Amino acid sequence: MNIGVIGAGSWGTALATVVADKGNIVKIFDVDADHLKRMEEKRENIDYLPGVALSDNIVIVYTTEEAIQDADVVLFSAPAQHFRSALKNALPNIKKDAYIINVAKGIEKGTHKRMSEIASEAFAEDGFDRMDRYVVLSGPSHAEEVGRKLPTTVATASQNEESAKVIQDLFMTDRFRVYTTTDVVGVELGGALKNIIALGAGISDGMGFGDNAKAALITRGLMEITRLGLKIGAKAETFAGLTGTGDLIVTCTSMHSRNRRCGILMGEGMSPEDAVKEVGMVVEGMFTAEAAYELAKIAGVEMPITDAIYKVTTGEMKATEALISLMGREKRQEQDYPSDN
């Protein structure tokens, strides 16, 4: 198949490597032309995924049109806050029967939209409904490990089960296992909101707290994610799977996680702005915290950990104050989210 990749960061490059190694031709584009030149010259993404050689099947191109011309599959690996513009820019040149994959994990600021909601709006404006060929790929997967061909398992989600299976087959290898689901809402929420909890886990680590505190943050954070998910139509079992619990664990515990590293810096006393600069790449949780905080208010869902982390990221609350507010909440029963019936 011919694959077009929009976004040459670590994750876009790692996924390009997976499908290129299976014999597919992959054309990869990024808005940073200098970055692309370095990739082309070195045959390696030295900026974001060093140490992973690019297959001969990966072609560096310098325009969106070149990347997606005649592509059977177009994969968007742009940051969540830029997905809308990247998709709208590309749509006029995407074949009507092409599959569109999105791997960005986040909620759009201002609109509080998930990525599939943004896609649906863009398709409507373009005059052609492509949702049956729109697929989300998500799960516990650091680009650094995928690029090195370490065992990884993810899931593809689409409202059309057959489309999810096509992309499952495209990516499936003996080192990259793929499951399918039709719960797009649950997969997107799990992938977006875990970044907020990872910020919290990092802050906890940076403040010198132990495993007990981090385990509590992860577990109660999952409860919050599930509570909001059920309210807006996700399935409870999704949050117990790869794109829920799995993604949450890997992002909250690994130093590959930008969100956790950013949280550690804040927990050590660095300002949110300086922490993001130090990480040097997009920290999606910083944007998603604001969007999720507002979405929870709109949905009428209680999310105290998300609230506290959002206030820490904006400087409204210090990390020590957030701890006091969370530990001092009224006592309650543990299983407190509604059923999804």
C-alpha atoms as a PDB file:
ATOM      1  CA  MET A   1       0.000   0.000   0.000  1.00  0.00           C
ATOM      2  CA  ASN A   2       0.990   3.634  -0.407  1.00  0.00           C
ATOM      3  CA  ILE A   3       1.033   5.411   2.961  1.00  0.00           C
ATOM      4  CA  GLY A   4       1.181   9.156   3.580  1.00  0.00           C
ATOM      5  CA  VAL A   5       2.293  10.365   7.016  1.00  0.00           C
ATOM      6  CA  ILE A   6       1.635  13.926   8.171  1.00  0.00           C
ATOM      7  CA  GLY A   7       3.947  14.728  11.082  1.00  0.00           C
ATOM      8  CA  ALA A   8       7.562  13.546  11.389  1.00  0.00           C
ATOM      9  CA  GLY A   9       7.836  13.528  15.152  1.00  0.00           C
ATOM     10  CA  SER A  10       8.904  10.470  17.129  1.00  0.00           C
ATOM     11  CA  TRP A  11       5.555   8.667  16.904  1.00  0.00           C
ATOM     12  CA  GLY A  12       4.873   9.385  13.235  1.00  0.00           C
ATOM     13  CA  THR A  13       8.371   8.168  12.378  1.00  0.00           C
ATOM     14  CA  ALA A  14       8.083   5.019  14.503  1.00  0.00           C
ATOM     15  CA  LEU A  15       4.770   4.053  12.899  1.00  0.00           C
ATOM     16  CA  ALA A  16       6.166   4.812   9.443  1.00  0.00           C
ATOM     17  CA  THR A  17       8.978   2.378  10.241  1.00  0.00           C
ATOM     18  CA  VAL A  18       6.531  -0.375  11.215  1.00  0.00           C
ATOM     19  CA  VAL A  19       4.602  -0.286   7.935  1.00  0.00           C
ATOM     20  CA  ALA A  20       7.675   0.413   5.755  1.00  0.00           C
ATOM     21  CA  ASP A  21       9.384  -2.695   7.124  1.00  0.00           C
ATOM     22  CA  LYS A  22       6.414  -4.680   5.785  1.00  0.00           C
ATOM     23  CA  GLY A  23       7.097  -3.520   2.240  1.00  0.00           C
ATOM     24  CA  ASN A  24       4.753  -0.535   2.041  1.00  0.00           C
ATOM     25  CA  ILE A  25       5.899   2.731   0.483  1.00  0.00           C
ATOM     26  CA  VAL A  26       5.693   5.558   3.043  1.00  0.00           C
ATOM     27  CA  LYS A  27       5.949   9.260   2.216  1.00  0.00           C
ATOM     28  CA  ILE A  28       6.428  11.393   5.310  1.00  0.00           C
ATOM     29  CA  PHE A  29       5.912  15.167   5.585  1.00  0.00           C
ATOM     30  CA  ASP A  30       6.379  17.718   8.349  1.00  0.00           C
ATOM     31  CA  VAL A  31       5.902  21.490   8.526  1.00  0.00           C
ATOM     32  CA  ASP A  32       9.533  21.838   9.662  1.00  0.00           C
ATOM     33  CA  ALA A  33      11.477  21.703   6.392  1.00  0.00           C
ATOM     34  CA  ASP A  34      14.880  21.855   8.134  1.00  0.00           C
ATOM     35  CA  HIS A  35      13.905  18.829  10.211  1.00  0.00           C
ATOM     36  CA  LEU A  36      12.963  16.961   7.028  1.00  0.00           C
ATOM     37  CA  LYS A  37      16.299  17.832   5.421  1.00  0.00           C
ATOM     38  CA  ARG A  38      18.163  16.375   8.389  1.00  0.00           C
ATOM     39  CA  MET A  39      16.074  13.211   8.172  1.00  0.00           C
ATOM     40  CA  GLU A  40      16.777  12.908   4.456  1.00  0.00           C
ATOM     41  CA  GLU A  41      20.513  13.491   4.829  1.00  0.00           C
ATOM     42  CA  LYS A  42      21.037  11.248   7.857  1.00  0.00           C
ATOM     43  CA  ARG A  43      18.323   8.657   7.006  1.00  0.00           C
ATOM     44  CA  GLU A  44      17.407   8.931  10.664  1.00  0.00           C
ATOM     45  CA  ASN A  45      15.140  11.158  12.765  1.00  0.00           C
ATOM     46  CA  ILE A  46      17.997  12.530  14.851  1.00  0.00           C
ATOM     47  CA  ASP A  47      15.782  15.210  16.425  1.00  0.00           C
ATOM     48  CA  TYR A  48      13.037  13.006  17.870  1.00  0.00           C
ATOM     49  CA  LEU A  49      13.876   9.334  17.328  1.00  0.00           C
ATOM     50  CA  PRO A  50      17.669   8.969  17.258  1.00  0.00           C
ATOM     51  CA  GLY A  51      19.204   5.578  16.689  1.00  0.00           C
ATOM     52  CA  VAL A  52      16.439   4.242  14.430  1.00  0.00           C
ATOM     53  CA  ALA A  53      17.516   3.927  10.780  1.00  0.00           C
ATOM     54  CA  LEU A  54      14.917   4.824   8.164  1.00  0.00           C
ATOM     55  CA  SER A  55      13.933   2.073   5.750  1.00  0.00           C
ATOM     56  CA  ASP A  56      14.550   2.578   2.043  1.00  0.00           C
ATOM     57  CA  ASN A  57      10.747   2.432   1.711  1.00  0.00           C
ATOM     58  CA  ILE A  58      10.427   5.734   3.625  1.00  0.00           C
ATOM     59  CA  VAL A  59      10.517   8.756   1.327  1.00  0.00           C
ATOM     60  CA  ILE A  60      10.951  12.266   2.741  1.00  0.00           C
ATOM     61  CA  VAL A  61       8.720  14.814   0.962  1.00  0.00           C
ATOM     62  CA  TYR A  62       8.332  18.559   1.393  1.00  0.00           C
ATOM     63  CA  THR A  63       4.634  19.217   0.745  1.00  0.00           C
ATOM     64  CA  THR A  64       1.401  17.761   2.040  1.00  0.00           C
ATOM     65  CA  GLU A  65       0.316  17.088  -1.535  1.00  0.00           C
ATOM     66  CA  GLU A  66       3.387  14.928  -2.217  1.00  0.00           C
ATOM     67  CA  ALA A  67       2.770  12.907   0.923  1.00  0.00           C
ATOM     68  CA  ILE A  68      -0.860  12.079   0.260  1.00  0.00           C
ATOM     69  CA  GLN A  69      -1.018  11.929  -3.526  1.00  0.00           C
ATOM     70  CA  ASP A  70      -2.368   8.475  -4.448  1.00  0.00           C
ATOM     71  CA  ALA A  71      -2.090   7.363  -0.804  1.00  0.00           C
ATOM     72  CA  ASP A  72      -4.267   4.422   0.197  1.00  0.00           C
ATOM     73  CA  VAL A  73      -3.827   5.392   3.850  1.00  0.00           C
ATOM     74  CA  VAL A  74      -3.125   8.832   5.329  1.00  0.00           C
ATOM     75  CA  LEU A  75      -1.805   8.850   8.892  1.00  0.00           C
ATOM     76  CA  PHE A  76      -1.979  12.074  10.904  1.00  0.00           C
ATOM     77  CA  SER A  77       0.606  12.356  13.652  1.00  0.00           C
ATOM     78  CA  ALA A  78       0.295  16.087  14.281  1.00  0.00           C
ATOM     79  CA  PRO A  79      -0.183  17.417  17.837  1.00  0.00           C
ATOM     80  CA  ALA A  80      -3.828  17.308  18.910  1.00  0.00           C
ATOM     81  CA  GLN A  81      -4.171  21.094  18.943  1.00  0.00           C
ATOM     82  CA  HIS A  82      -3.077  21.219  15.283  1.00  0.00           C
ATOM     83  CA  PHE A  83      -5.062  18.238  14.009  1.00  0.00           C
ATOM     84  CA  ARG A  84      -7.978  20.327  12.732  1.00  0.00           C
ATOM     85  CA  SER A  85      -5.820  22.564  10.531  1.00  0.00           C
ATOM     86  CA  ALA A  86      -3.667  19.664   9.304  1.00  0.00           C
ATOM     87  CA  LEU A  87      -6.724  17.628   8.305  1.00  0.00           C
ATOM     88  CA  LYS A  88      -8.547  20.500   6.607  1.00  0.00           C
ATOM     89  CA  ASN A  89      -5.406  21.384   4.659  1.00  0.00           C
ATOM     90  CA  ALA A  90      -4.984  17.796   3.456  1.00  0.00           C
ATOM     91  CA  LEU A  91      -8.577  16.772   2.728  1.00  0.00           C
ATOM     92  CA  PRO A  92      -8.902  18.211  -0.803  1.00  0.00           C
ATOM     93  CA  ASN A  93      -6.029  15.960  -1.922  1.00  0.00           C
ATOM     94  CA  ILE A  94      -6.992  12.742  -0.116  1.00  0.00           C
ATOM     95  CA  LYS A  95      -8.565  10.017  -2.268  1.00  0.00           C
ATOM     96  CA  LYS A  96     -12.228   9.363  -1.511  1.00  0.00           C
ATOM     97  CA  ASP A  97     -11.553   5.693  -0.733  1.00  0.00           C
ATOM     98  CA  ALA A  98      -8.442   6.296   1.399  1.00  0.00           C
ATOM     99  CA  TYR A  99      -8.336   5.328   5.050  1.00  0.00           C
ATOM    100  CA  ILE A 100      -7.545   8.148   7.476  1.00  0.00           C
ATOM    101  CA  ILE A 101      -5.715   7.269  10.690  1.00  0.00           C
ATOM    102  CA  ASN A 102      -5.271   9.662  13.582  1.00  0.00           C
ATOM    103  CA  VAL A 103      -2.806   8.977  16.397  1.00  0.00           C
ATOM    104  CA  ALA A 104      -2.983  12.335  18.231  1.00  0.00           C
ATOM    105  CA  LYS A 105      -4.136  12.048  21.846  1.00  0.00           C
ATOM    106  CA  GLY A 106      -5.902  15.098  23.210  1.00  0.00           C
ATOM    107  CA  ILE A 107      -8.983  17.299  23.451  1.00  0.00           C
ATOM    108  CA  GLU A 108      -9.146  20.529  21.491  1.00  0.00           C
ATOM    109  CA  LYS A 109      -8.947  23.669  23.599  1.00  0.00           C
ATOM    110  CA  GLY A 110     -11.932  25.982  23.321  1.00  0.00           C
ATOM    111  CA  THR A 111     -14.241  23.521  21.564  1.00  0.00           C
ATOM    112  CA  HIS A 112     -13.685  20.568  23.959  1.00  0.00           C
ATOM    113  CA  LYS A 113     -13.879  18.284  20.922  1.00  0.00           C
ATOM    114  CA  ARG A 114     -12.317  14.852  20.639  1.00  0.00           C
ATOM    115  CA  MET A 115     -10.281  14.187  17.487  1.00  0.00           C
ATOM    116  CA  SER A 116     -13.035  12.139  15.808  1.00  0.00           C
ATOM    117  CA  GLU A 117     -15.494  14.983  16.401  1.00  0.00           C
ATOM    118  CA  ILE A 118     -13.067  17.363  14.711  1.00  0.00           C
ATOM    119  CA  ALA A 119     -12.722  14.922  11.825  1.00  0.00           C
ATOM    120  CA  SER A 120     -16.487  14.597  11.443  1.00  0.00           C
ATOM    121  CA  GLU A 121     -16.847  18.385  11.262  1.00  0.00           C
ATOM    122  CA  ALA A 122     -14.035  18.672   8.720  1.00  0.00           C
ATOM    123  CA  PHE A 123     -15.544  15.927   6.560  1.00  0.00           C
ATOM    124  CA  ALA A 124     -18.922  17.676   6.620  1.00  0.00           C
ATOM    125  CA  GLU A 125     -17.335  20.964   5.540  1.00  0.00           C
ATOM    126  CA  ASP A 126     -15.517  19.119   2.764  1.00  0.00           C
ATOM    127  CA  GLY A 127     -18.836  17.680   1.577  1.00  0.00           C
ATOM    128  CA  PHE A 128     -17.910  13.994   1.840  1.00  0.00           C
ATOM    129  CA  ASP A 129     -18.496  11.827   4.909  1.00  0.00           C
ATOM    130  CA  ARG A 130     -15.404   9.681   5.515  1.00  0.00           C
ATOM    131  CA  MET A 131     -16.165   8.493   9.066  1.00  0.00           C
ATOM    132  CA  ASP A 132     -16.537   4.875   7.916  1.00  0.00           C
ATOM    133  CA  ARG A 133     -12.858   5.012   6.912  1.00  0.00           C
ATOM    134  CA  TYR A 134     -11.638   7.020   9.902  1.00  0.00           C
ATOM    135  CA  VAL A 135      -9.551   4.981  12.359  1.00  0.00           C
ATOM    136  CA  VAL A 136      -7.915   5.802  15.692  1.00  0.00           C
ATOM    137  CA  LEU A 137      -4.719   3.990  16.690  1.00  0.00           C
ATOM    138  CA  SER A 138      -3.888   4.119  20.393  1.00  0.00           C
ATOM    139  CA  GLY A 139      -2.494   2.150  23.304  1.00  0.00           C
ATOM    140  CA  PRO A 140       0.535   1.808  25.595  1.00  0.00           C
ATOM    141  CA  SER A 141       3.246   2.565  23.076  1.00  0.00           C
ATOM    142  CA  HIS A 142       6.361   4.700  23.356  1.00  0.00           C
ATOM    143  CA  ALA A 143       7.891   5.576  19.998  1.00  0.00           C
ATOM    144  CA  GLU A 144      11.389   4.865  21.325  1.00  0.00           C
ATOM    145  CA  GLU A 145      10.483   1.209  21.922  1.00  0.00           C
ATOM    146  CA  VAL A 146       8.432   0.745  18.742  1.00  0.00           C
ATOM    147  CA  GLY A 147      11.326   2.124  16.696  1.00  0.00           C
ATOM    148  CA  ARG A 148      13.649  -0.430  18.308  1.00  0.00           C
ATOM    149  CA  LYS A 149      11.136  -3.196  17.518  1.00  0.00           C
ATOM    150  CA  LEU A 150      10.438  -4.010  21.159  1.00  0.00           C
ATOM    151  CA  PRO A 151       7.134  -5.897  21.698  1.00  0.00           C
ATOM    152  CA  THR A 152       4.174  -3.491  21.718  1.00  0.00           C
ATOM    153  CA  THR A 153       0.401  -3.950  21.696  1.00  0.00           C
ATOM    154  CA  VAL A 154      -2.141  -1.326  20.642  1.00  0.00           C
ATOM    155  CA  ALA A 155      -5.725  -1.076  19.387  1.00  0.00           C
ATOM    156  CA  THR A 156      -7.418   0.382  16.327  1.00  0.00           C
ATOM    157  CA  ALA A 157     -10.877   1.923  16.750  1.00  0.00           C
ATOM    158  CA  SER A 158     -13.462   2.875  14.142  1.00  0.00           C
ATOM    159  CA  GLN A 159     -17.229   3.117  13.925  1.00  0.00           C
ATOM    160  CA  ASN A 160     -16.781   0.722  10.982  1.00  0.00           C
ATOM    161  CA  GLU A 161     -15.318  -2.530  12.304  1.00  0.00           C
ATOM    162  CA  GLU A 162     -14.005  -3.506   8.857  1.00  0.00           C
ATOM    163  CA  SER A 163     -11.929  -0.328   8.648  1.00  0.00           C
ATOM    164  CA  ALA A 164     -10.411  -1.064  12.061  1.00  0.00           C
ATOM    165  CA  LYS A 165      -9.503  -4.547  10.776  1.00  0.00           C
ATOM    166  CA  VAL A 166      -7.868  -3.175   7.600  1.00  0.00           C
ATOM    167  CA  ILE A 167      -5.569  -0.976   9.696  1.00  0.00           C
ATOM    168  CA  GLN A 168      -5.025  -3.857  12.113  1.00  0.00           C
ATOM    169  CA  ASP A 169      -3.678  -5.926   9.206  1.00  0.00           C
ATOM    170  CA  LEU A 170      -1.580  -3.024   7.937  1.00  0.00           C
ATOM    171  CA  PHE A 171       0.344  -2.687  11.226  1.00  0.00           C
ATOM    172  CA  MET A 172       0.334  -6.222  12.611  1.00  0.00           C
ATOM    173  CA  THR A 173       3.780  -7.824  12.982  1.00  0.00           C
ATOM    174  CA  ASP A 174       5.420 -10.330  15.292  1.00  0.00           C
ATOM    175  CA  ARG A 175       6.550  -7.364  17.436  1.00  0.00           C
ATOM    176  CA  PHE A 176       3.560  -5.025  17.016  1.00  0.00           C
ATOM    177  CA  ARG A 177       0.266  -6.663  17.950  1.00  0.00           C
ATOM    178  CA  VAL A 178      -3.006  -4.885  17.180  1.00  0.00           C
ATOM    179  CA  TYR A 179      -6.530  -5.417  18.550  1.00  0.00           C
ATOM    180  CA  THR A 180      -9.720  -3.778  17.242  1.00  0.00           C
ATOM    181  CA  THR A 181     -12.707  -2.049  18.814  1.00  0.00           C
ATOM    182  CA  THR A 182     -15.654   0.115  17.773  1.00  0.00           C
ATOM    183  CA  ASP A 183     -15.553   2.250  20.938  1.00  0.00           C
ATOM    184  CA  VAL A 184     -13.980   5.355  19.423  1.00  0.00           C
ATOM    185  CA  VAL A 185     -15.165   7.572  22.294  1.00  0.00           C
ATOM    186  CA  GLY A 186     -13.550   5.405  24.962  1.00  0.00           C
ATOM    187  CA  VAL A 187     -10.283   4.978  23.071  1.00  0.00           C
ATOM    188  CA  GLU A 188      -9.944   8.720  22.454  1.00  0.00           C
ATOM    189  CA  LEU A 189     -10.789   9.711  26.016  1.00  0.00           C
ATOM    190  CA  GLY A 190      -8.428   7.147  27.521  1.00  0.00           C
ATOM    191  CA  GLY A 191      -5.595   8.335  25.303  1.00  0.00           C
ATOM    192  CA  ALA A 192      -6.220  12.011  26.008  1.00  0.00           C
ATOM    193  CA  LEU A 193      -6.922  12.027  29.725  1.00  0.00           C
ATOM    194  CA  LYS A 194      -4.097   9.699  30.757  1.00  0.00           C
ATOM    195  CA  ASN A 195      -1.694  12.517  29.877  1.00  0.00           C
ATOM    196  CA  ILE A 196      -3.199  14.638  32.662  1.00  0.00           C
ATOM    197  CA  ILE A 197      -2.810  11.864  35.225  1.00  0.00           C
ATOM    198  CA  ALA A 198       0.775  11.330  34.024  1.00  0.00           C
ATOM    199  CA  LEU A 199       1.499  14.984  34.797  1.00  0.00           C
ATOM    200  CA  GLY A 200       0.182  14.314  38.297  1.00  0.00           C
ATOM    201  CA  ALA A 201       2.273  11.162  38.667  1.00  0.00           C
ATOM    202  CA  GLY A 202       5.340  13.133  37.623  1.00  0.00           C
ATOM    203  CA  ILE A 203       4.568  15.943  40.065  1.00  0.00           C
ATOM    204  CA  SER A 204       4.236  13.339  42.818  1.00  0.00           C
ATOM    205  CA  ASP A 205       7.601  11.828  41.893  1.00  0.00           C
ATOM    206  CA  GLY A 206       9.212  15.254  41.696  1.00  0.00           C
ATOM    207  CA  MET A 207       8.004  16.070  45.187  1.00  0.00           C
ATOM    208  CA  GLY A 208       9.635  12.897  46.488  1.00  0.00           C
ATOM    209  CA  PHE A 209       6.468  10.943  47.229  1.00  0.00           C
ATOM    210  CA  GLY A 210       6.561   7.174  46.957  1.00  0.00           C
ATOM    211  CA  ASP A 211       4.906   4.368  45.058  1.00  0.00           C
ATOM    212  CA  ASN A 212       1.852   4.497  47.320  1.00  0.00           C
ATOM    213  CA  ALA A 213       0.978   7.993  46.195  1.00  0.00           C
ATOM    214  CA  LYS A 214       1.558   7.228  42.520  1.00  0.00           C
ATOM    215  CA  ALA A 215      -0.544   4.063  42.674  1.00  0.00           C
ATOM    216  CA  ALA A 216      -3.371   6.065  44.232  1.00  0.00           C
ATOM    217  CA  LEU A 217      -3.117   8.752  41.538  1.00  0.00           C
ATOM    218  CA  ILE A 218      -3.206   6.169  38.746  1.00  0.00           C
ATOM    219  CA  THR A 219      -6.116   4.235  40.232  1.00  0.00           C
ATOM    220  CA  ARG A 220      -8.262   7.199  41.190  1.00  0.00           C
ATOM    221  CA  GLY A 221      -7.307   8.893  37.933  1.00  0.00           C
ATOM    222  CA  LEU A 222      -8.654   5.906  36.032  1.00  0.00           C
ATOM    223  CA  MET A 223     -11.883   6.228  38.027  1.00  0.00           C
ATOM    224  CA  GLU A 224     -12.215   9.851  36.873  1.00  0.00           C
ATOM    225  CA  ILE A 225     -11.534   8.961  33.247  1.00  0.00           C
ATOM    226  CA  THR A 226     -14.115   6.188  33.383  1.00  0.00           C
ATOM    227  CA  ARG A 227     -16.681   8.421  35.066  1.00  0.00           C
ATOM    228  CA  LEU A 228     -16.446  11.038  32.323  1.00  0.00           C
ATOM    229  CA  GLY A 229     -16.300   8.395  29.596  1.00  0.00           C
ATOM    230  CA  LEU A 230     -19.510   6.707  30.682  1.00  0.00           C
ATOM    231  CA  LYS A 231     -21.252  10.067  30.838  1.00  0.00           C
ATOM    232  CA  ILE A 232     -20.513  10.815  27.185  1.00  0.00           C
ATOM    233  CA  GLY A 233     -21.080   7.381  25.681  1.00  0.00           C
ATOM    234  CA  ALA A 234     -17.943   5.259  26.099  1.00  0.00           C
ATOM    235  CA  LYS A 235     -17.963   1.615  27.200  1.00  0.00           C
ATOM    236  CA  ALA A 236     -16.691   0.753  30.671  1.00  0.00           C
ATOM    237  CA  GLU A 237     -14.634  -2.220  29.460  1.00  0.00           C
ATOM    238  CA  THR A 238     -12.552   0.025  27.186  1.00  0.00           C
ATOM    239  CA  PHE A 239     -11.014   1.722  30.221  1.00  0.00           C
ATOM    240  CA  ALA A 240      -9.912  -1.662  31.589  1.00  0.00           C
ATOM    241  CA  GLY A 241      -8.074  -2.404  28.343  1.00  0.00           C
ATOM    242  CA  LEU A 242      -5.003  -1.321  26.396  1.00  0.00           C
ATOM    243  CA  THR A 243      -6.194   2.201  25.582  1.00  0.00           C
ATOM    244  CA  GLY A 244      -7.348   2.811  29.151  1.00  0.00           C
ATOM    245  CA  THR A 245      -5.428   1.087  31.934  1.00  0.00           C
ATOM    246  CA  GLY A 246      -2.562   0.064  29.647  1.00  0.00           C
ATOM    247  CA  ASP A 247      -1.863   3.528  28.285  1.00  0.00           C
ATOM    248  CA  LEU A 248      -2.306   5.068  31.732  1.00  0.00           C
ATOM    249  CA  ILE A 249       0.253   2.751  33.335  1.00  0.00           C
ATOM    250  CA  VAL A 250       2.932   3.223  30.695  1.00  0.00           C
ATOM    251  CA  THR A 251       2.551   7.011  30.611  1.00  0.00           C
ATOM    252  CA  CYS A 252       2.575   7.428  34.381  1.00  0.00           C
ATOM    253  CA  THR A 253       5.582   5.201  35.029  1.00  0.00           C
ATOM    254  CA  SER A 254       8.028   5.631  32.141  1.00  0.00           C
ATOM    255  CA  MET A 255      10.736   8.244  31.634  1.00  0.00           C
ATOM    256  CA  HIS A 256       9.910   8.060  27.920  1.00  0.00           C
ATOM    257  CA  SER A 257       6.714   9.950  28.855  1.00  0.00           C
ATOM    258  CA  ARG A 258       6.988  13.683  28.139  1.00  0.00           C
ATOM    259  CA  ASN A 259       4.029  14.334  30.430  1.00  0.00           C
ATOM    260  CA  ARG A 260       5.593  12.515  33.370  1.00  0.00           C
ATOM    261  CA  ARG A 261       8.967  14.215  32.814  1.00  0.00           C
ATOM    262  CA  CYS A 262       7.263  17.603  32.695  1.00  0.00           C
ATOM    263  CA  GLY A 263       5.409  16.774  35.917  1.00  0.00           C
ATOM    264  CA  ILE A 264       8.625  15.753  37.659  1.00  0.00           C
ATOM    265  CA  LEU A 265      10.163  19.124  36.832  1.00  0.00           C
ATOM    266  CA  MET A 266       7.130  20.958  38.205  1.00  0.00           C
ATOM    267  CA  GLY A 267       7.182  18.791  41.326  1.00  0.00           C
ATOM    268  CA  GLU A 268      10.814  19.806  41.836  1.00  0.00           C
ATOM    269  CA  GLY A 269       9.783  23.448  41.777  1.00  0.00           C
ATOM    270  CA  MET A 270      10.155  24.484  38.137  1.00  0.00           C
ATOM    271  CA  SER A 271       7.421  26.692  36.667  1.00  0.00           C
ATOM    272  CA  PRO A 272       5.016  25.027  34.189  1.00  0.00           C
ATOM    273  CA  GLU A 273       6.344  27.183  31.346  1.00  0.00           C
ATOM    274  CA  ASP A 274       9.994  26.368  32.058  1.00  0.00           C
ATOM    275  CA  ALA A 275       9.182  22.679  32.512  1.00  0.00           C
ATOM    276  CA  VAL A 276       7.629  22.498  29.039  1.00  0.00           C
ATOM    277  CA  LYS A 277      10.674  24.245  27.541  1.00  0.00           C
ATOM    278  CA  GLU A 278      13.001  21.816  29.305  1.00  0.00           C
ATOM    279  CA  VAL A 279      11.147  18.789  27.892  1.00  0.00           C
ATOM    280  CA  GLY A 280      11.586  20.271  24.424  1.00  0.00           C
ATOM    281  CA  MET A 281       8.597  18.610  22.776  1.00  0.00           C
ATOM    282  CA  VAL A 282       4.820  18.998  22.868  1.00  0.00           C
ATOM    283  CA  VAL A 283       3.403  18.086  26.304  1.00  0.00           C
ATOM    284  CA  GLU A 284      -0.197  17.277  25.385  1.00  0.00           C
ATOM    285  CA  GLY A 285      -1.334  16.993  28.996  1.00  0.00           C
ATOM    286  CA  MET A 286      -0.754  20.717  29.530  1.00  0.00           C
ATOM    287  CA  PHE A 287      -3.334  21.551  26.853  1.00  0.00           C
ATOM    288  CA  THR A 288      -5.685  18.680  27.621  1.00  0.00           C
ATOM    289  CA  ALA A 289      -5.848  19.577  31.318  1.00  0.00           C
ATOM    290  CA  GLU A 290      -7.613  22.827  30.500  1.00  0.00           C
ATOM    291  CA  ALA A 291      -9.967  21.241  27.960  1.00  0.00           C
ATOM    292  CA  ALA A 292     -10.809  18.322  30.269  1.00  0.00           C
ATOM    293  CA  TYR A 293     -11.347  20.626  33.241  1.00  0.00           C
ATOM    294  CA  GLU A 294     -13.889  22.620  31.230  1.00  0.00           C
ATOM    295  CA  LEU A 295     -15.476  19.527  29.649  1.00  0.00           C
ATOM    296  CA  ALA A 296     -16.023  17.964  33.076  1.00  0.00           C
ATOM    297  CA  LYS A 297     -17.847  21.103  34.237  1.00  0.00           C
ATOM    298  CA  ILE A 298     -20.042  21.068  31.133  1.00  0.00           C
ATOM    299  CA  ALA A 299     -20.816  17.356  31.567  1.00  0.00           C
ATOM    300  CA  GLY A 300     -21.439  17.736  35.298  1.00  0.00           C
ATOM    301  CA  VAL A 301     -18.821  15.126  36.196  1.00  0.00           C
ATOM    302  CA  GLU A 302     -16.663  15.362  39.324  1.00  0.00           C
ATOM    303  CA  MET A 303     -12.926  15.044  38.512  1.00  0.00           C
ATOM    304  CA  PRO A 304     -10.939  16.304  41.522  1.00  0.00           C
ATOM    305  CA  ILE A 305      -7.520  15.052  40.371  1.00  0.00           C
ATOM    306  CA  THR A 306      -7.977  16.648  36.946  1.00  0.00           C
ATOM    307  CA  ASP A 307      -9.137  19.868  38.617  1.00  0.00           C
ATOM    308  CA  ALA A 308      -6.088  19.968  40.895  1.00  0.00           C
ATOM    309  CA  ILE A 309      -3.581  19.210  38.121  1.00  0.00           C
ATOM    310  CA  TYR A 310      -5.152  21.844  35.867  1.00  0.00           C
ATOM    311  CA  LYS A 311      -4.781  24.452  38.632  1.00  0.00           C
ATOM    312  CA  VAL A 312      -1.150  23.468  39.182  1.00  0.00           C
ATOM    313  CA  THR A 313      -0.387  23.781  35.448  1.00  0.00           C
ATOM    314  CA  THR A 314      -1.864  27.287  35.386  1.00  0.00           C
ATOM    315  CA  GLY A 315      -0.092  28.396  38.555  1.00  0.00           C
ATOM    316  CA  GLU A 316      -3.396  28.879  40.368  1.00  0.00           C
ATOM    317  CA  MET A 317      -2.391  26.247  42.931  1.00  0.00           C
ATOM    318  CA  LYS A 318       0.964  25.000  44.196  1.00  0.00           C
ATOM    319  CA  ALA A 319       1.665  21.268  44.151  1.00  0.00           C
ATOM    320  CA  THR A 320       1.658  21.095  47.958  1.00  0.00           C
ATOM    321  CA  GLU A 321      -1.740  22.834  48.034  1.00  0.00           C
ATOM    322  CA  ALA A 322      -3.080  20.349  45.476  1.00  0.00           C
ATOM    323  CA  LEU A 323      -1.980  17.478  47.720  1.00  0.00           C
ATOM    324  CA  ILE A 324      -3.741  18.964  50.718  1.00  0.00           C
ATOM    325  CA  SER A 325      -6.934  19.559  48.750  1.00  0.00           C
ATOM    326  CA  LEU A 326      -7.018  15.978  47.438  1.00  0.00           C
ATOM    327  CA  MET A 327      -6.122  14.234  50.693  1.00  0.00           C
ATOM    328  CA  GLY A 328      -8.518  16.398  52.681  1.00  0.00           C
ATOM    329  CA  ARG A 329     -11.646  15.679  50.632  1.00  0.00           C
ATOM    330  CA  GLU A 330     -14.725  14.248  52.356  1.00  0.00           C
ATOM    331  CA  LYS A 331     -14.675  10.500  52.966  1.00  0.00           C
ATOM    332  CA  ARG A 332     -16.658   8.419  50.496  1.00  0.00           C
ATOM    333  CA  GLN A 333     -17.241   4.963  49.001  1.00  0.00           C
ATOM    334  CA  GLU A 334     -14.631   3.885  46.441  1.00  0.00           C
ATOM    335  CA  GLN A 335     -16.746   2.642  43.511  1.00  0.00           C
ATOM    336  CA  ASP A 336     -18.651   5.838  42.833  1.00  0.00           C
ATOM    337  CA  TYR A 337     -19.050   6.050  39.065  1.00  0.00           C
ATOM    338  CA  PRO A 338     -22.431   5.394  37.415  1.00  0.00           C
ATOM    339  CA  SER A 339     -23.125   2.278  35.347  1.00  0.00           C
ATOM    340  CA  ASP A 340     -23.064   2.597  31.586  1.00  0.00           C
ATOM    341  CA  ASN A 341     -26.554   1.196  31.195  1.00  0.00           C
END
